[in-house]
Protein backbone atom coordinates (compact mmCIF):
# COMPACT_ATOMS: atom_id res chain seq x y z
CA MET A 1 114.22 47.78 133.51
CA LEU A 2 115.95 44.76 131.47
CA ARG A 3 114.97 41.38 132.68
CA ARG A 4 118.20 39.36 132.64
CA GLU A 5 116.82 36.23 130.98
CA GLY A 6 117.60 34.63 127.58
CA ILE A 7 120.09 36.71 125.48
CA ALA A 8 120.27 39.27 128.27
CA ARG A 9 121.62 37.03 130.95
CA GLU A 10 125.44 37.26 129.82
CA PRO A 11 127.65 39.21 127.60
CA ILE A 12 127.91 37.69 124.30
CA ASP A 13 131.36 37.23 122.51
CA ASP A 14 130.53 37.53 118.85
CA ARG A 15 133.58 35.92 117.49
CA GLN A 16 133.36 33.07 119.83
CA VAL A 17 129.75 32.52 118.71
CA ILE A 18 130.76 32.37 115.02
CA ASP A 19 133.89 30.12 115.61
CA GLU A 20 131.63 27.61 117.43
CA LEU A 21 128.90 27.73 114.60
CA VAL A 22 131.72 27.08 112.10
CA GLN A 23 132.90 24.09 114.02
CA ARG A 24 129.32 22.71 114.43
CA VAL A 25 128.84 23.07 110.70
CA ALA A 26 132.03 21.37 109.73
CA SER A 27 131.43 18.48 112.19
CA ARG A 28 127.79 18.07 110.88
CA LEU A 29 128.71 17.96 107.15
CA ASP A 30 132.06 16.32 107.30
CA GLY A 31 132.12 13.19 105.01
CA ASP A 32 133.16 11.41 101.77
CA GLU A 33 131.54 13.99 99.60
CA LEU A 34 132.53 17.50 100.56
CA ASP A 35 133.48 18.40 97.00
CA ILE A 36 129.94 17.42 95.81
CA LEU A 37 128.45 19.38 98.64
CA ILE A 38 130.52 22.44 97.99
CA ASN A 39 130.09 22.12 94.27
CA ASP A 40 126.19 22.11 94.73
CA CYS A 41 126.53 25.27 97.06
CA CYS A 42 128.63 27.23 94.33
CA PHE A 43 126.15 26.00 91.61
CA LYS A 44 122.85 27.24 93.49
CA GLU A 45 124.44 30.36 94.36
CA GLU A 46 125.57 31.33 91.02
CA LYS A 47 122.28 30.56 89.62
CA ARG A 48 120.57 32.70 92.27
CA LEU A 49 122.97 35.48 91.67
CA ARG A 50 123.79 35.50 88.05
CA LYS A 51 122.15 38.84 87.36
CA THR A 52 122.89 40.61 90.38
CA LYS A 53 124.55 44.10 90.34
CA ASP A 54 125.22 44.35 93.99
CA GLU A 55 128.89 44.80 94.52
CA ALA A 56 128.89 42.82 97.74
CA GLU A 57 127.02 39.91 96.09
CA ARG A 58 129.27 39.89 93.16
CA ALA A 59 132.34 39.76 95.37
CA TYR A 60 130.80 36.96 97.49
CA LEU A 61 129.97 35.05 94.14
CA GLU A 62 133.58 35.50 92.89
CA ARG A 63 134.78 33.85 96.20
CA LEU A 64 132.43 30.70 95.26
CA ARG A 65 133.66 30.66 91.93
CA SER A 66 137.34 30.54 93.01
CA ALA A 67 136.44 27.87 95.58
CA ARG A 68 134.92 25.89 92.91
CA ARG A 69 137.81 25.98 90.68
CA ARG A 70 139.83 24.27 93.31
CA LEU A 71 137.54 21.41 93.87
CA ALA A 72 139.11 19.28 91.30
CA TRP A 73 142.40 18.83 92.93
CA ALA A 74 141.64 19.66 96.54
CA SER A 75 142.80 17.51 99.37
CA LYS A 76 140.38 16.52 102.07
CA ASP A 77 141.97 19.03 104.40
CA GLU A 78 141.66 21.63 101.88
CA LEU A 79 137.88 20.69 101.20
CA ARG A 80 137.30 21.11 104.98
CA SER A 81 139.02 24.59 104.95
CA ILE A 82 136.69 25.58 101.96
CA LEU A 83 133.56 24.46 103.78
CA LYS A 84 134.56 26.25 106.80
CA SER A 85 135.28 29.62 104.97
CA ILE A 86 131.68 29.30 103.48
CA ALA A 87 130.19 28.50 106.80
CA ARG A 88 131.92 31.43 108.46
CA GLU A 89 130.64 33.76 105.78
CA TYR A 90 127.05 32.53 106.43
CA ALA A 91 127.30 32.52 110.12
CA SER A 92 128.68 35.99 110.33
CA GLU A 93 125.70 36.99 108.11
CA ILE A 94 123.21 35.25 110.12
CA HIS A 95 124.38 36.11 113.57
CA GLY A 96 122.75 39.13 115.37
CA HIS A 97 124.51 41.49 117.79
CA PHE A 98 122.09 41.92 120.69
CA ASP A 99 123.02 45.16 122.57
CA GLU A 100 121.85 46.00 126.12
CA LYS A 101 121.92 49.80 125.65
CA THR A 102 120.15 49.84 122.25
CA TYR A 103 117.40 47.46 123.74
CA LYS A 104 116.83 49.77 126.73
CA THR A 105 116.87 52.94 124.51
CA ALA A 106 114.32 51.38 122.04
CA THR A 107 111.99 50.06 124.68
CA ARG A 108 111.94 53.33 126.73
CA VAL A 109 111.59 55.61 123.72
CA MET A 110 110.01 54.06 120.86
CA PRO A 111 106.76 53.00 122.42
CA LYS A 112 106.00 56.63 123.75
CA GLY A 113 107.15 58.09 120.32
CA LEU A 114 104.89 55.86 118.30
CA ALA A 115 101.97 56.39 120.82
CA LEU A 116 102.54 60.34 120.51
CA LEU A 117 102.57 59.87 116.63
CA LEU A 118 99.35 57.66 116.61
CA ARG A 119 97.05 59.57 118.79
CA LYS A 120 94.89 61.72 116.68
CA GLN A 121 95.09 64.79 119.07
CA ALA A 122 96.27 68.36 118.52
CA PRO A 123 99.75 69.26 119.81
CA TRP A 124 98.30 71.31 122.86
CA ALA A 125 96.15 68.37 124.03
CA MET A 126 99.25 65.95 124.00
CA LEU A 127 101.14 68.64 126.04
CA ARG A 128 98.46 68.73 128.41
CA ARG A 129 98.33 65.02 128.86
CA SER A 130 101.99 65.16 129.46
CA LEU A 131 101.66 67.86 132.17
CA LYS A 132 99.11 65.94 133.96
CA GLY A 133 101.54 62.89 134.18
CA ASP A 134 99.50 60.71 131.91
CA LYS A 135 101.54 57.93 130.46
CA LEU A 136 101.46 57.43 126.86
CA SER A 137 101.03 53.93 126.03
CA LEU A 138 100.05 51.32 123.15
CA SER A 139 98.78 48.93 126.01
CA ASP A 140 94.99 49.90 125.25
CA ARG A 141 95.57 49.07 121.64
CA ILE A 142 97.79 46.14 121.54
CA ILE A 143 96.15 43.46 123.83
CA SER A 144 97.79 40.44 125.05
CA SER A 145 95.92 37.52 127.00
CA GLY A 146 96.26 33.77 127.33
CA GLN A 147 98.89 31.79 129.15
CA ILE A 148 100.98 34.73 129.96
CA ASP A 149 101.73 33.91 133.71
CA VAL A 150 102.61 30.41 132.69
CA PHE A 151 104.99 31.88 129.96
CA ASP A 152 106.41 34.26 132.69
CA LYS A 153 107.39 31.29 135.05
CA LEU A 154 108.58 29.05 132.22
CA VAL A 155 111.35 31.46 131.10
CA GLU A 156 113.16 30.70 134.32
CA LYS A 157 112.88 26.96 133.96
CA GLY A 158 114.17 26.36 130.71
CA THR A 159 114.33 27.82 127.24
CA CYS A 160 111.29 29.21 125.53
CA VAL A 161 110.51 29.25 121.96
CA LEU A 162 107.73 31.62 120.79
CA VAL A 163 105.88 30.34 117.76
CA PRO A 164 103.25 32.89 116.43
CA THR A 165 101.06 32.94 113.38
CA HIS A 166 102.38 35.51 110.70
CA LEU A 167 100.29 37.83 108.82
CA SER A 168 102.46 41.07 108.44
CA ASN A 169 105.69 42.52 108.63
CA LEU A 170 104.49 44.52 111.57
CA ASP A 171 104.33 41.35 113.60
CA SER A 172 107.88 41.48 114.86
CA PRO A 173 107.48 44.92 116.48
CA VAL A 174 104.03 44.14 117.91
CA ILE A 175 105.24 40.97 119.48
CA GLY A 176 108.33 42.88 120.98
CA PHE A 177 106.23 45.65 122.25
CA ALA A 178 103.83 42.98 124.02
CA LEU A 179 106.68 41.11 125.48
CA HIS A 180 108.20 44.07 126.87
CA ASP A 181 104.80 45.44 128.15
CA ARG A 182 104.27 42.24 129.96
CA GLY A 183 107.73 42.25 131.51
CA LEU A 184 109.01 39.49 129.46
CA PRO A 185 112.65 39.06 128.47
CA PRO A 186 113.97 39.96 125.08
CA MET A 187 114.12 37.02 122.54
CA ILE A 188 116.11 36.52 119.44
CA TYR A 189 114.08 36.14 116.42
CA GLY A 190 114.73 35.13 112.72
CA ALA A 191 113.88 38.17 110.33
CA GLY A 192 113.99 38.02 106.45
CA ILE A 193 117.16 39.47 105.14
CA ASN A 194 115.19 41.75 102.81
CA LEU A 195 114.00 43.69 105.94
CA PHE A 196 117.50 44.77 106.69
CA THR A 197 117.94 46.88 103.51
CA ASN A 198 116.76 50.11 105.29
CA TRP A 199 120.07 51.09 107.33
CA LEU A 200 118.11 52.42 110.17
CA LEU A 201 115.57 49.74 110.68
CA SER A 202 118.61 47.22 110.19
CA TYR A 203 120.50 48.95 112.86
CA PHE A 204 117.85 48.30 115.51
CA MET A 205 116.71 44.90 114.20
CA ASP A 206 120.54 43.78 114.29
CA HIS A 207 120.80 45.05 117.91
CA LEU A 208 117.60 44.01 119.34
CA GLY A 209 117.89 40.18 119.10
CA ALA A 210 117.22 39.69 115.37
CA TYR A 211 119.33 37.14 113.37
CA LYS A 212 119.20 37.34 109.34
CA VAL A 213 117.14 34.56 107.50
CA ASP A 214 117.89 34.57 103.63
CA ARG A 215 114.91 32.32 102.32
CA THR A 216 116.36 32.49 98.89
CA LYS A 217 119.48 30.46 99.91
CA LYS A 218 118.54 27.02 99.31
CA ASN A 219 121.90 25.34 99.41
CA THR A 220 122.64 22.54 102.24
CA ILE A 221 125.57 24.31 103.83
CA TYR A 222 123.59 27.51 104.67
CA LEU A 223 120.54 25.61 105.74
CA THR A 224 122.84 23.57 108.18
CA THR A 225 124.53 26.78 109.33
CA LEU A 226 120.99 28.33 110.09
CA LYS A 227 119.77 25.14 111.93
CA GLU A 228 123.11 24.87 113.99
CA TYR A 229 122.58 28.55 114.91
CA SER A 230 119.16 27.92 116.29
CA THR A 231 120.27 24.77 118.08
CA PHE A 232 123.34 26.63 119.64
CA SER A 233 121.11 29.44 120.77
CA LEU A 234 118.76 27.18 122.51
CA GLU A 235 121.56 25.31 124.33
CA ARG A 236 122.75 28.91 125.38
CA ARG A 237 119.35 29.44 126.88
CA TRP A 238 118.62 32.42 124.51
CA HIS A 239 114.83 32.45 124.47
CA SER A 240 113.88 32.50 120.74
CA LEU A 241 110.94 33.49 118.37
CA PHE A 242 110.34 32.16 114.85
CA PHE A 243 107.48 32.06 112.61
CA PRO A 244 106.74 28.24 111.97
CA GLY A 245 104.65 29.10 108.91
CA GLY A 246 107.91 30.23 107.26
CA THR A 247 106.55 33.45 105.84
CA ARG A 248 103.40 35.74 106.08
CA SER A 249 100.13 33.91 105.28
CA ARG A 250 99.54 34.99 101.60
CA SER A 251 95.99 33.79 101.56
CA GLY A 252 94.92 35.12 105.06
CA LEU A 253 94.32 31.25 106.14
CA VAL A 254 95.35 30.27 109.70
CA GLU A 255 98.63 28.33 109.16
CA THR A 256 98.55 24.72 109.84
CA LYS A 257 101.09 23.23 107.66
CA LEU A 258 104.31 24.41 109.49
CA LYS A 259 107.86 24.43 108.62
CA LYS A 260 109.62 21.85 110.94
CA GLY A 261 113.11 22.36 110.25
CA LEU A 262 113.83 24.98 112.87
CA MET A 263 111.18 23.46 115.17
CA GLY A 264 113.40 20.17 115.22
CA THR A 265 116.25 22.08 116.53
CA ALA A 266 114.51 22.47 119.88
CA LEU A 267 114.54 18.59 120.23
CA ASP A 268 118.26 18.45 119.13
CA ALA A 269 118.98 21.16 122.00
CA TYR A 270 117.14 19.24 124.51
CA GLN A 271 119.02 16.13 123.76
CA ALA A 272 122.39 18.11 123.85
CA ASN A 273 121.52 19.49 127.25
CA LEU A 274 120.58 16.09 128.53
CA ARG A 275 123.75 14.65 127.49
CA ALA A 276 125.76 17.58 129.10
CA GLY A 277 123.88 17.30 132.17
CA ALA A 278 122.53 21.11 131.96
CA GLU A 279 120.83 22.28 134.91
CA THR A 280 117.87 23.71 133.18
CA PRO A 281 117.66 21.19 129.91
CA ARG A 282 114.13 21.72 129.17
CA VAL A 283 112.69 23.57 125.97
CA PHE A 284 109.18 24.91 125.95
CA PHE A 285 107.15 25.99 122.98
CA ILE A 286 104.69 28.87 123.49
CA PRO A 287 102.04 29.00 120.33
CA ALA A 288 100.65 32.51 119.92
CA THR A 289 98.09 34.00 117.40
CA LEU A 290 98.35 37.52 116.21
CA ASN A 291 94.93 38.96 115.14
CA TYR A 292 94.10 42.07 113.27
CA HIS A 293 90.98 43.73 112.13
CA LEU A 294 92.76 44.88 109.08
CA VAL A 295 96.33 43.72 107.66
CA LEU A 296 98.58 46.40 105.97
CA GLU A 297 99.77 43.91 103.09
CA ALA A 298 96.31 42.30 102.47
CA GLU A 299 95.85 43.51 99.03
CA THR A 300 99.38 42.46 97.78
CA LEU A 301 99.46 39.16 99.79
CA ILE A 302 95.90 37.95 98.37
CA ASP A 303 97.03 38.76 94.78
CA ASP A 304 100.13 36.70 95.29
CA HIS A 305 98.08 33.82 96.50
CA LEU A 306 95.52 34.04 93.66
CA GLN A 307 98.22 34.20 91.20
CA GLU A 308 99.94 31.07 92.47
CA ALA A 309 103.13 32.93 92.71
CA GLY A 310 103.75 32.64 96.33
CA GLN A 311 106.09 29.61 95.88
CA SER A 312 108.15 31.13 93.04
CA ARG A 313 108.34 34.72 94.60
CA TYR A 314 108.40 33.68 98.12
CA ILE A 315 109.57 37.14 99.33
CA ILE A 316 107.55 40.04 97.93
CA ALA A 317 110.01 42.99 97.89
CA ASP A 318 107.39 45.58 96.79
CA ASP A 319 104.45 45.31 99.16
CA GLU A 320 102.99 47.88 101.22
CA PHE A 321 105.54 47.64 103.94
CA SER A 322 108.18 48.91 101.78
CA ARG A 323 106.34 52.35 101.63
CA PRO A 324 106.79 54.16 104.85
CA ASP A 325 103.82 56.37 103.92
CA LYS A 326 101.66 53.35 103.57
CA VAL A 327 102.88 52.04 106.92
CA LEU A 328 102.44 55.35 108.71
CA GLY A 329 98.76 55.55 107.22
CA PHE A 330 97.78 51.98 107.99
CA VAL A 331 99.07 52.32 111.71
CA ARG A 332 97.31 55.68 112.16
CA ASN A 333 93.93 54.32 110.99
CA MET A 334 94.34 51.00 112.98
CA MET A 335 95.33 52.51 116.32
CA ALA A 336 91.98 54.67 116.07
CA MET A 337 90.13 51.55 116.38
CA THR A 338 89.21 49.76 119.89
CA ASN A 339 91.53 46.82 120.45
CA PRO A 340 92.67 46.71 116.72
CA VAL A 341 95.32 44.01 117.66
CA GLU A 342 95.01 40.98 120.04
CA ILE A 343 97.73 38.55 120.86
CA VAL A 344 96.88 35.29 122.48
CA PHE A 345 99.46 33.42 124.11
CA GLY A 346 98.65 29.71 124.16
CA GLN A 347 99.11 26.64 126.30
CA PRO A 348 102.91 25.71 126.46
CA LEU A 349 104.09 22.62 124.75
CA ASP A 350 107.40 20.54 125.11
CA PRO A 351 109.30 19.48 121.99
CA PHE A 352 107.11 16.24 121.63
CA GLY A 353 103.79 18.21 121.50
CA ASN A 354 102.73 17.50 125.08
CA PRO A 355 100.97 20.36 127.23
CA VAL A 356 103.10 21.84 129.98
CA ASP A 357 102.08 23.45 133.28
CA ALA A 358 103.54 26.48 135.03
CA ASP A 359 106.13 24.18 136.99
CA GLY A 360 107.71 23.14 133.66
CA ASN A 361 105.97 19.70 134.03
CA SER A 362 104.87 17.74 130.89
CA LEU A 363 101.38 16.63 131.11
CA ASP A 364 99.96 13.35 129.72
CA PRO A 365 96.50 12.78 128.25
CA GLN A 366 94.98 12.53 131.77
CA GLY A 367 96.62 15.67 132.98
CA ARG A 368 99.31 13.93 135.05
CA PRO A 369 102.73 15.22 135.27
CA PHE A 370 105.81 13.14 133.84
CA ASP A 371 109.44 13.41 132.73
CA PRO A 372 109.68 13.78 128.83
CA ALA A 373 113.38 12.61 129.06
CA GLY A 374 112.18 9.00 128.63
CA TYR A 375 111.18 9.62 125.09
CA VAL A 376 114.75 9.99 124.07
CA MET A 377 116.75 8.05 126.67
CA ARG A 378 117.45 4.27 127.18
CA ASP A 379 119.17 2.73 130.29
CA GLY A 380 119.98 6.15 131.22
CA GLU A 381 121.60 7.41 128.07
CA VAL A 382 120.27 9.61 125.27
CA VAL A 383 119.94 7.59 122.25
CA ALA A 384 120.03 9.22 118.70
CA ASP A 385 116.95 7.98 116.42
CA GLU A 386 116.60 10.32 113.43
CA GLN A 387 113.21 8.97 112.31
CA ARG A 388 111.99 8.96 115.76
CA ASP A 389 112.67 12.59 116.26
CA HIS A 390 110.97 13.49 112.93
CA GLU A 391 107.70 11.98 114.28
CA TYR A 392 107.99 13.67 117.43
CA THR A 393 108.32 17.03 115.55
CA ARG A 394 105.64 16.11 113.46
CA ARG A 395 103.48 15.73 116.49
CA LEU A 396 104.56 19.03 117.85
CA ALA A 397 103.88 20.75 114.55
CA GLY A 398 100.14 19.28 114.68
CA ALA A 399 99.72 20.52 118.20
CA ILE A 400 100.76 24.11 117.47
CA GLY A 401 98.61 24.14 114.27
CA GLN A 402 95.76 23.00 116.42
CA ALA A 403 96.62 25.88 119.05
CA PHE A 404 96.67 28.52 116.18
CA LEU A 405 93.06 27.34 115.22
CA ASP A 406 91.80 27.41 118.80
CA ASP A 407 93.32 30.65 119.70
CA THR A 408 92.41 32.50 116.58
CA VAL A 409 90.24 35.58 117.36
CA VAL A 410 87.57 36.28 114.98
CA PHE A 411 86.68 40.04 114.39
CA ASP A 412 83.70 41.64 112.47
CA THR A 413 85.66 42.22 109.44
CA HIS A 414 86.30 38.64 109.11
CA VAL A 415 82.66 37.70 109.68
CA LEU A 416 81.18 40.15 107.26
CA ALA A 417 83.79 39.28 104.58
CA ALA A 418 82.96 35.60 104.88
CA ALA A 419 79.27 36.15 105.01
CA MET A 420 79.34 38.29 101.73
CA HIS A 421 81.40 35.29 99.94
CA ARG A 422 78.97 32.75 101.37
CA ARG A 423 76.02 34.67 99.84
CA LEU A 424 77.83 34.91 96.62
CA GLU A 425 78.48 31.08 96.65
CA ALA A 426 74.82 30.43 97.56
CA HIS A 427 73.61 32.38 94.30
CA HIS A 428 76.34 30.79 92.10
CA PRO A 429 76.96 27.09 93.72
CA ASN A 430 78.13 25.86 90.31
CA LEU A 431 81.13 28.22 89.98
CA ASP A 432 84.44 27.78 91.78
CA VAL A 433 86.14 30.72 93.66
CA TYR A 434 88.04 31.93 90.93
CA ARG A 435 85.11 32.19 88.58
CA ARG A 436 83.13 33.80 91.26
CA LEU A 437 85.78 36.53 91.74
CA LEU A 438 85.15 37.52 88.03
CA LEU A 439 81.34 38.23 88.33
CA GLY A 440 80.17 41.67 87.73
CA LEU A 441 79.13 44.27 90.53
CA ASP A 442 75.59 43.51 90.11
CA SER A 443 76.19 39.77 91.13
CA ARG A 444 77.84 40.93 94.10
CA ARG A 445 75.08 42.99 95.50
CA PHE A 446 72.84 41.81 98.38
CA THR A 447 69.82 43.00 100.48
CA THR A 448 70.90 43.90 103.95
CA PRO A 449 68.37 41.60 105.37
CA GLU A 450 69.98 38.56 103.39
CA VAL A 451 73.43 39.58 104.63
CA ASP A 452 72.34 40.07 108.22
CA ALA A 453 70.65 36.74 108.08
CA GLU A 454 73.86 35.14 107.07
CA ILE A 455 75.94 36.80 109.68
CA GLY A 456 73.44 35.79 112.50
CA HIS A 457 73.71 32.15 110.94
CA MET A 458 77.47 32.33 111.42
CA GLN A 459 77.37 34.12 114.77
CA ALA A 460 75.35 31.11 116.00
CA ALA A 461 77.84 28.56 114.85
CA LEU A 462 80.86 30.51 116.12
CA LYS A 463 79.57 30.83 119.34
CA VAL A 464 79.14 27.04 119.78
CA LEU A 465 82.75 26.65 118.51
CA ALA A 466 83.81 29.30 121.09
CA ALA A 467 82.06 27.49 123.78
CA ASP A 468 83.99 24.35 123.04
CA GLY A 469 87.31 26.21 123.14
CA ARG A 470 87.94 25.97 119.28
CA ILE A 471 87.95 29.52 118.51
CA ARG A 472 87.75 32.91 120.21
CA LEU A 473 85.38 35.68 119.38
CA GLY A 474 85.90 39.48 119.33
CA ALA A 475 83.64 41.62 121.54
CA VAL A 476 81.30 42.71 118.62
CA VAL A 477 81.22 39.16 117.19
CA ALA A 478 80.47 37.66 120.60
CA LYS A 479 77.81 40.27 121.59
CA ALA A 480 76.49 42.45 118.82
CA THR A 481 73.39 41.87 116.76
CA PRO A 482 74.09 40.88 113.14
CA GLN A 483 72.97 44.54 112.09
CA ASP A 484 75.51 46.11 114.56
CA LEU A 485 78.13 43.69 113.51
CA ARG A 486 77.64 44.65 109.80
CA VAL A 487 77.94 48.33 110.53
CA SER A 488 80.97 47.98 112.60
CA ALA A 489 82.70 45.91 109.98
CA LEU A 490 81.84 48.42 107.26
CA LYS A 491 83.35 51.35 109.39
CA HIS A 492 86.47 49.32 109.63
CA PHE A 493 86.67 48.46 105.97
CA ALA A 494 86.46 52.13 105.21
CA ARG A 495 89.65 53.09 107.21
CA TYR A 496 92.47 52.06 105.04
CA HIS A 497 92.55 49.91 101.79
CA ALA A 498 92.46 51.67 98.53
CA THR A 499 89.28 49.83 97.69
CA ARG A 500 86.77 48.65 100.39
CA ALA A 501 86.46 44.91 100.77
CA VAL A 502 82.78 45.36 101.33
CA TRP A 503 80.50 48.62 101.22
CA GLY A 504 76.97 49.60 102.06
CA ARG A 505 75.33 51.05 99.10
CA GLU A 506 71.81 51.81 97.83
CA GLY A 507 70.09 50.03 100.77
CA GLY A 508 72.11 47.03 100.10
CA VAL A 509 75.58 45.61 100.67
CA VAL A 510 78.12 45.08 97.91
CA LEU A 511 80.99 42.95 97.74
CA GLU A 512 83.19 45.64 96.39
CA ASP A 513 86.68 44.17 96.19
CA PRO A 514 85.94 40.30 96.22
CA LYS A 515 89.65 39.38 96.50
CA LEU A 516 90.28 41.54 99.36
CA ALA A 517 87.28 40.40 101.02
CA LEU A 518 88.28 36.70 100.34
CA TYR A 519 91.73 37.33 102.25
CA TYR A 520 89.70 38.28 105.25
CA ALA A 521 87.09 35.46 104.87
CA HIS A 522 89.93 32.98 104.62
CA ARG A 523 90.41 33.66 108.45
CA LEU A 524 87.40 31.20 109.14
CA ALA A 525 87.74 28.86 106.16
CA LYS A 526 89.55 26.05 108.52
CA HIS A 527 86.90 26.12 111.10
CA PRO A 528 83.76 23.89 110.64
CA LEU A 529 80.76 26.04 109.87
CA PRO A 530 77.42 25.10 108.41
CA PRO A 531 76.86 25.72 104.71
CA PRO A 532 75.54 29.16 103.78
CA LEU A 533 71.64 29.75 104.15
CA PRO A 534 69.64 28.78 101.22
CA ILE A 535 68.69 31.76 98.79
CA GLY A 536 65.41 33.33 100.04
CA ARG A 537 65.70 31.86 103.54
CA ARG A 538 66.29 34.09 106.47
CA GLN A 539 67.81 32.68 109.76
CA SER A 540 64.97 31.42 112.08
């Protein structure tokens, strides 16, 4: 059954949405230098697309060139008209087309189909389960926990913005399943435009609440249109999801340096709601962490990070996600694990970084409820202050980043990979990480007692952090002996990747693919751990 909250609350007139966006962008950018603004847009887009062979992109580029040729003698009204035409093109591209029928079909059929596909059973076994009336569900493989009940209440008290960590292109369907499984309403979400190249995937994403984000477009008109879309949707009480890290974590590190642009649109929407006297003006942020034993694109992502190409390439078009056979193989192996994916929904926050309770109250440092409208109002009126708002959004970003660290779930794969790199560091303390990656296989081989000692050393420190609420531990990390943790992690590392990050060999343990292992080790890099054990010393 479709829960009628957020984007499912009301019919959506796509033309009306786009018209509203165009008017907002025009009002936001109207000024004395429209010709310079438009010229900058045309210049950046021509530079970006100068080698394109795509017919639609070439036609779009020709329209921009035509507009650019008119700038020298265009009147102010003509400049506004050109601005609106460009903004309309961008608004039409960005806006999704949520369809209730498609959503109901997808949420009814896709989980069952995926469950059938992923269960390693013979056809007769699956038929027998169906005849017995057993439900095929992914709920025992995609586990969600945390402040779910609070989240459930807040969707009716205001507009919710879900802000998860981002590791894989599988994140969106995984979160979508978890939301539906928990009876939460559908959310709109920004998806990289590169994911819309497959017509079938594009159709479902476009009709399930996704709006397109083209991270290669850097001009002011496009970025303003994107921000106005986010603000508009929040004012309409369309619950929203976006990844504040901006893109998948190339290094495997927990994201703490977050993009504040879209985050700040929530504060804009809150102030607009206050001015309009909206019945439910509040906007709430729900931090969430996605935690995997293994990550589909890990090999490509860590390569990109180590080559320092993440900034320049930004979008990886040729990673594992672009290969259906790779995706299917990965998911099959992942779903054979116990609890391969855990999503933790954290403490909700207001746009100023304060915690929020289930009644929608902001809480001060002593846990007392208060009205946050006082942050932006003076003498009963909302007062605009751009510098003040930037500071509030900076505080919010810090609170979300801390929530990401506190709600990270550590699995055995992370601990073993980190233990191996810590042993490598202990043996070669004068080498930096890049030089250690070049060491030969013999330098990357350690005895099992040495590795188990390092694992135990880390487990003890991680349990202290977990007791303080500064990290979460997977069941194996929390309860298993170092020996059992090592065995479990080695089994997981053998499941999917072309090379094994870590492998047991000849009575010892080998850092077989140090780059891949570094990706998984990085999950712990921002948490305070003691130095590696000295060489020759076992854990006491």
